[in-house]
Amino acid sequence: MPEKRSSKCPVCRKPKSSEFAPFCSAGCKDREWLGEGYKVPGPPVSPDQLADHFSGDAGRDGES
């Protein structure tokens, strides 16, 4: 039997929007990504390492 997909936003449970699926709005989509809902696998990165990376101070392999 096929799995029935929810038609509600996983954050606030309002009806989902096709534009922001599976969320109802950009706000819920951002809230999920900025909170603890979605994570990119890997070791934690300190704010200093992140700043170095974006300022171009880090080498190609991510180390200074």
PDB file of N, CA and C in Angstrom:
ATOM      1  N   MET A   1       0.846  -1.176   0.000  1.00  0.00           N
ATOM      2  CA  MET A   1       0.000   0.000   0.000  1.00  0.00           C
ATOM      3  C   MET A   1       0.899   1.250   0.000  1.00  0.00           C
ATOM      4  N   PRO A   2       0.667   2.203  -0.899  1.00  0.00           N
ATOM      5  CA  PRO A   2       1.504   3.403  -0.948  1.00  0.00           C
ATOM      6  C   PRO A   2       1.365   4.239   0.320  1.00  0.00           C
ATOM      7  N   GLU A   3       2.477   4.916   0.662  1.00  0.00           N
ATOM      8  CA  GLU A   3       2.480   5.783   1.832  1.00  0.00           C
ATOM      9  C   GLU A   3       1.712   7.059   1.513  1.00  0.00           C
ATOM     10  N   LYS A   4       0.820   7.453   2.406  1.00  0.00           N
ATOM     11  CA  LYS A   4       0.049   8.682   2.205  1.00  0.00           C
ATOM     12  C   LYS A   4       0.891   9.864   2.669  1.00  0.00           C
ATOM     13  N   ARG A   5       1.084  10.841   1.794  1.00  0.00           N
ATOM     14  CA  ARG A   5       1.868  12.030   2.134  1.00  0.00           C
ATOM     15  C   ARG A   5       0.979  13.058   2.814  1.00  0.00           C
ATOM     16  N   SER A   6       1.577  13.735   3.788  1.00  0.00           N
ATOM     17  CA  SER A   6       0.848  14.766   4.518  1.00  0.00           C
ATOM     18  C   SER A   6       0.693  16.003   3.642  1.00  0.00           C
ATOM     19  N   SER A   7      -0.441  16.651   3.741  1.00  0.00           N
ATOM     20  CA  SER A   7      -0.654  17.897   3.003  1.00  0.00           C
ATOM     21  C   SER A   7      -0.509  19.091   3.927  1.00  0.00           C
ATOM     22  N   LYS A   8       0.125  18.853   5.090  1.00  0.00           N
ATOM     23  CA  LYS A   8       0.314  19.928   6.058  1.00  0.00           C
ATOM     24  C   LYS A   8       1.787  20.259   6.212  1.00  0.00           C
ATOM     25  N   CYS A   9       2.052  21.508   6.546  1.00  0.00           N
ATOM     26  CA  CYS A   9       3.401  21.997   6.788  1.00  0.00           C
ATOM     27  C   CYS A   9       3.989  21.240   7.990  1.00  0.00           C
ATOM     28  N   PRO A  10       5.222  20.724   7.885  1.00  0.00           N
ATOM     29  CA  PRO A  10       5.811  19.987   9.000  1.00  0.00           C
ATOM     30  C   PRO A  10       6.173  20.887  10.189  1.00  0.00           C
ATOM     31  N   VAL A  11       6.177  22.211  10.010  1.00  0.00           N
ATOM     32  CA  VAL A  11       6.536  23.126  11.091  1.00  0.00           C
ATOM     33  C   VAL A  11       5.299  23.571  11.862  1.00  0.00           C
ATOM     34  N   CYS A  12       4.307  24.117  11.145  1.00  0.00           N
ATOM     35  CA  CYS A  12       3.152  24.711  11.834  1.00  0.00           C
ATOM     36  C   CYS A  12       1.845  23.949  11.603  1.00  0.00           C
ATOM     37  N   ARG A  13       1.868  22.966  10.733  1.00  0.00           N
ATOM     38  CA  ARG A  13       0.710  22.116  10.422  1.00  0.00           C
ATOM     39  C   ARG A  13      -0.386  22.816   9.621  1.00  0.00           C
ATOM     40  N   LYS A  14      -0.126  24.003   9.058  1.00  0.00           N
ATOM     41  CA  LYS A  14      -1.076  24.648   8.146  1.00  0.00           C
ATOM     42  C   LYS A  14      -0.983  23.929   6.805  1.00  0.00           C
ATOM     43  N   PRO A  15      -1.959  24.130   5.909  1.00  0.00           N
ATOM     44  CA  PRO A  15      -1.870  23.491   4.587  1.00  0.00           C
ATOM     45  C   PRO A  15      -0.594  23.920   3.856  1.00  0.00           C
ATOM     46  N   LYS A  16       0.087  22.955   3.224  1.00  0.00           N
ATOM     47  CA  LYS A  16       1.337  23.299   2.541  1.00  0.00           C
ATOM     48  C   LYS A  16       1.048  24.016   1.230  1.00  0.00           C
ATOM     49  N   SER A  17       2.028  24.772   0.777  1.00  0.00           N
ATOM     50  CA  SER A  17       1.937  25.531  -0.458  1.00  0.00           C
ATOM     51  C   SER A  17       2.798  24.855  -1.511  1.00  0.00           C
ATOM     52  N   SER A  18       2.329  24.776  -2.745  1.00  0.00           N
ATOM     53  CA  SER A  18       3.129  24.159  -3.805  1.00  0.00           C
ATOM     54  C   SER A  18       4.397  24.967  -4.068  1.00  0.00           C
ATOM     55  N   GLU A  19       4.344  26.269  -3.812  1.00  0.00           N
ATOM     56  CA  GLU A  19       5.504  27.135  -4.026  1.00  0.00           C
ATOM     57  C   GLU A  19       6.621  26.850  -3.020  1.00  0.00           C
ATOM     58  N   PHE A  20       6.263  26.492  -1.782  1.00  0.00           N
ATOM     59  CA  PHE A  20       7.243  26.283  -0.725  1.00  0.00           C
ATOM     60  C   PHE A  20       7.254  24.842  -0.216  1.00  0.00           C
ATOM     61  N   ALA A  21       6.639  23.925  -0.949  1.00  0.00           N
ATOM     62  CA  ALA A  21       6.499  22.535  -0.522  1.00  0.00           C
ATOM     63  C   ALA A  21       7.811  21.985   0.013  1.00  0.00           C
ATOM     64  N   PRO A  22       7.757  21.252   1.098  1.00  0.00           N
ATOM     65  CA  PRO A  22       6.562  20.793   1.814  1.00  0.00           C
ATOM     66  C   PRO A  22       6.073  21.764   2.880  1.00  0.00           C
ATOM     67  N   PHE A  23       6.534  23.008   2.839  1.00  0.00           N
ATOM     68  CA  PHE A  23       6.153  23.995   3.848  1.00  0.00           C
ATOM     69  C   PHE A  23       4.983  24.844   3.349  1.00  0.00           C
ATOM     70  N   CYS A  24       4.429  25.671   4.259  1.00  0.00           N
ATOM     71  CA  CYS A  24       3.304  26.528   3.886  1.00  0.00           C
ATOM     72  C   CYS A  24       3.769  27.901   3.421  1.00  0.00           C
ATOM     73  N   SER A  25       4.984  28.288   3.818  1.00  0.00           N
ATOM     74  CA  SER A  25       5.460  29.637   3.512  1.00  0.00           C
ATOM     75  C   SER A  25       6.982  29.683   3.566  1.00  0.00           C
ATOM     76  N   ALA A  26       7.543  30.794   3.090  1.00  0.00           N
ATOM     77  CA  ALA A  26       8.991  30.979   3.168  1.00  0.00           C
ATOM     78  C   ALA A  26       9.435  31.048   4.626  1.00  0.00           C
ATOM     79  N   GLY A  27       8.595  31.610   5.481  1.00  0.00           N
ATOM     80  CA  GLY A  27       8.927  31.717   6.900  1.00  0.00           C
ATOM     81  C   GLY A  27       9.134  30.365   7.552  1.00  0.00           C
ATOM     82  N   CYS A  28       8.232  29.426   7.300  1.00  0.00           N
ATOM     83  CA  CYS A  28       8.381  28.092   7.890  1.00  0.00           C
ATOM     84  C   CYS A  28       9.560  27.355   7.264  1.00  0.00           C
ATOM     85  N   LYS A  29       9.784  27.548   5.980  1.00  0.00           N
ATOM     86  CA  LYS A  29      10.923  26.915   5.314  1.00  0.00           C
ATOM     87  C   LYS A  29      12.231  27.421   5.930  1.00  0.00           C
ATOM     88  N   ASP A  30      12.354  28.736   6.104  1.00  0.00           N
ATOM     89  CA  ASP A  30      13.554  29.313   6.702  1.00  0.00           C
ATOM     90  C   ASP A  30      13.706  28.883   8.151  1.00  0.00           C
ATOM     91  N   ARG A  31      12.622  28.854   8.884  1.00  0.00           N
ATOM     92  CA  ARG A  31      12.663  28.464  10.292  1.00  0.00           C
ATOM     93  C   ARG A  31      13.202  27.045  10.434  1.00  0.00           C
ATOM     94  N   GLU A  32      12.808  26.170   9.546  1.00  0.00           N
ATOM     95  CA  GLU A  32      13.262  24.780   9.612  1.00  0.00           C
ATOM     96  C   GLU A  32      14.755  24.685   9.314  1.00  0.00           C
ATOM     97  N   TRP A  33      15.232  25.410   8.300  1.00  0.00           N
ATOM     98  CA  TRP A  33      16.654  25.375   7.947  1.00  0.00           C
ATOM     99  C   TRP A  33      17.513  26.082   8.987  1.00  0.00           C
ATOM    100  N   LEU A  34      17.046  27.206   9.527  1.00  0.00           N
ATOM    101  CA  LEU A  34      17.848  27.968  10.479  1.00  0.00           C
ATOM    102  C   LEU A  34      17.803  27.370  11.877  1.00  0.00           C
ATOM    103  N   GLY A  35      16.790  26.575  12.147  1.00  0.00           N
ATOM    104  CA  GLY A  35      16.687  25.924  13.446  1.00  0.00           C
ATOM    105  C   GLY A  35      17.450  24.612  13.438  1.00  0.00           C
ATOM    106  N   GLU A  36      16.920  23.625  14.085  1.00  0.00           N
ATOM    107  CA  GLU A  36      17.586  22.332  14.182  1.00  0.00           C
ATOM    108  C   GLU A  36      16.966  21.285  13.255  1.00  0.00           C
ATOM    109  N   GLY A  37      16.039  21.697  12.393  1.00  0.00           N
ATOM    110  CA  GLY A  37      15.331  20.730  11.562  1.00  0.00           C
ATOM    111  C   GLY A  37      16.191  20.042  10.524  1.00  0.00           C
ATOM    112  N   TYR A  38      16.968  20.782   9.763  1.00  0.00           N
ATOM    113  CA  TYR A  38      17.819  20.214   8.731  1.00  0.00           C
ATOM    114  C   TYR A  38      19.265  20.519   9.057  1.00  0.00           C
ATOM    115  N   LYS A  39      20.113  19.547   8.838  1.00  0.00           N
ATOM    116  CA  LYS A  39      21.536  19.731   9.109  1.00  0.00           C
ATOM    117  C   LYS A  39      22.338  19.148   7.966  1.00  0.00           C
ATOM    118  N   VAL A  40      23.465  19.745   7.694  1.00  0.00           N
ATOM    119  CA  VAL A  40      24.397  19.220   6.716  1.00  0.00           C
ATOM    120  C   VAL A  40      25.399  18.371   7.486  1.00  0.00           C
ATOM    121  N   PRO A  41      25.608  17.108   7.081  1.00  0.00           N
ATOM    122  CA  PRO A  41      26.522  16.258   7.839  1.00  0.00           C
ATOM    123  C   PRO A  41      27.949  16.786   7.816  1.00  0.00           C
ATOM    124  N   GLY A  42      28.639  16.589   8.912  1.00  0.00           N
ATOM    125  CA  GLY A  42      30.031  16.992   9.018  1.00  0.00           C
ATOM    126  C   GLY A  42      30.326  17.543  10.392  1.00  0.00           C
ATOM    127  N   PRO A  43      31.580  17.807  10.647  1.00  0.00           N
ATOM    128  CA  PRO A  43      31.941  18.332  11.960  1.00  0.00           C
ATOM    129  C   PRO A  43      31.475  19.775  12.118  1.00  0.00           C
ATOM    130  N   PRO A  44      31.204  20.199  13.344  1.00  0.00           N
ATOM    131  CA  PRO A  44      30.801  21.584  13.575  1.00  0.00           C
ATOM    132  C   PRO A  44      31.912  22.555  13.157  1.00  0.00           C
ATOM    133  N   VAL A  45      31.523  23.724  12.702  1.00  0.00           N
ATOM    134  CA  VAL A  45      32.477  24.745  12.262  1.00  0.00           C
ATOM    135  C   VAL A  45      32.301  25.966  13.166  1.00  0.00           C
ATOM    136  N   SER A  46      33.429  26.494  13.642  1.00  0.00           N
ATOM    137  CA  SER A  46      33.359  27.671  14.503  1.00  0.00           C
ATOM    138  C   SER A  46      33.093  28.909  13.652  1.00  0.00           C
ATOM    139  N   PRO A  47      32.551  29.953  14.244  1.00  0.00           N
ATOM    140  CA  PRO A  47      32.328  31.194  13.493  1.00  0.00           C
ATOM    141  C   PRO A  47      33.621  31.747  12.901  1.00  0.00           C
ATOM    142  N   ASP A  48      34.757  31.576  13.603  1.00  0.00           N
ATOM    143  CA  ASP A  48      36.044  32.047  13.073  1.00  0.00           C
ATOM    144  C   ASP A  48      36.448  31.284  11.820  1.00  0.00           C
ATOM    145  N   GLN A  49      36.250  29.960  11.829  1.00  0.00           N
ATOM    146  CA  GLN A  49      36.569  29.158  10.643  1.00  0.00           C
ATOM    147  C   GLN A  49      35.692  29.565   9.469  1.00  0.00           C
ATOM    148  N   LEU A  50      34.445  29.817   9.732  1.00  0.00           N
ATOM    149  CA  LEU A  50      33.510  30.227   8.683  1.00  0.00           C
ATOM    150  C   LEU A  50      33.918  31.579   8.109  1.00  0.00           C
ATOM    151  N   ALA A  51      34.282  32.517   8.979  1.00  0.00           N
ATOM    152  CA  ALA A  51      34.718  33.841   8.519  1.00  0.00           C
ATOM    153  C   ALA A  51      35.987  33.735   7.681  1.00  0.00           C
ATOM    154  N   ASP A  52      36.936  32.895   8.121  1.00  0.00           N
ATOM    155  CA  ASP A  52      38.169  32.685   7.357  1.00  0.00           C
ATOM    156  C   ASP A  52      37.866  32.112   5.976  1.00  0.00           C
ATOM    157  N   HIS A  53      36.949  31.164   5.937  1.00  0.00           N
ATOM    158  CA  HIS A  53      36.593  30.527   4.666  1.00  0.00           C
ATOM    159  C   HIS A  53      36.049  31.547   3.666  1.00  0.00           C
ATOM    160  N   PHE A  54      35.145  32.398   4.131  1.00  0.00           N
ATOM    161  CA  PHE A  54      34.519  33.349   3.223  1.00  0.00           C
ATOM    162  C   PHE A  54      35.385  34.566   2.922  1.00  0.00           C
ATOM    163  N   SER A  55      36.400  34.809   3.739  1.00  0.00           N
ATOM    164  CA  SER A  55      37.292  35.940   3.453  1.00  0.00           C
ATOM    165  C   SER A  55      38.443  35.526   2.541  1.00  0.00           C
ATOM    166  N   GLY A  56      38.554  34.217   2.265  1.00  0.00           N
ATOM    167  CA  GLY A  56      39.604  33.740   1.368  1.00  0.00           C
ATOM    168  C   GLY A  56      40.907  33.433   2.064  1.00  0.00           C
ATOM    169  N   ASP A  57      40.951  33.487   3.405  1.00  0.00           N
ATOM    170  CA  ASP A  57      42.166  33.204   4.147  1.00  0.00           C
ATOM    171  C   ASP A  57      42.489  31.713   4.201  1.00  0.00           C
ATOM    172  N   ALA A  58      41.497  30.857   4.030  1.00  0.00           N
ATOM    173  CA  ALA A  58      41.710  29.424   4.130  1.00  0.00           C
ATOM    174  C   ALA A  58      42.236  28.863   2.807  1.00  0.00           C
ATOM    175  N   GLY A  59      42.982  27.765   2.914  1.00  0.00           N
ATOM    176  CA  GLY A  59      43.474  27.094   1.706  1.00  0.00           C
ATOM    177  C   GLY A  59      42.373  26.337   1.016  1.00  0.00           C
ATOM    178  N   ARG A  60      42.672  25.689  -0.076  1.00  0.00           N
ATOM    179  CA  ARG A  60      41.672  24.950  -0.853  1.00  0.00           C
ATOM    180  C   ARG A  60      41.078  23.817  -0.056  1.00  0.00           C
ATOM    181  N   ASP A  61      41.848  23.218   0.846  1.00  0.00           N
ATOM    182  CA  ASP A  61      41.353  22.089   1.620  1.00  0.00           C
ATOM    183  C   ASP A  61      40.641  22.532   2.899  1.00  0.00           C
ATOM    184  N   GLY A  62      40.462  23.838   3.081  1.00  0.00           N
ATOM    185  CA  GLY A  62      39.751  24.347   4.239  1.00  0.00           C
ATOM    186  C   GLY A  62      40.622  24.621   5.427  1.00  0.00           C
ATOM    187  N   GLU A  63      41.930  24.395   5.301  1.00  0.00           N
ATOM    188  CA  GLU A  63      42.838  24.655   6.414  1.00  0.00           C
ATOM    189  C   GLU A  63      43.668  25.879   6.129  1.00  0.00           C
ATOM    190  N   SER A  64      44.067  26.600   7.182  1.00  0.00           N
ATOM    191  CA  SER A  64      44.879  27.806   7.024  1.00  0.00           C
ATOM    192  C   SER A  64      46.318  27.463   6.816  1.00  0.00           C
TER     193      SER A  64
END
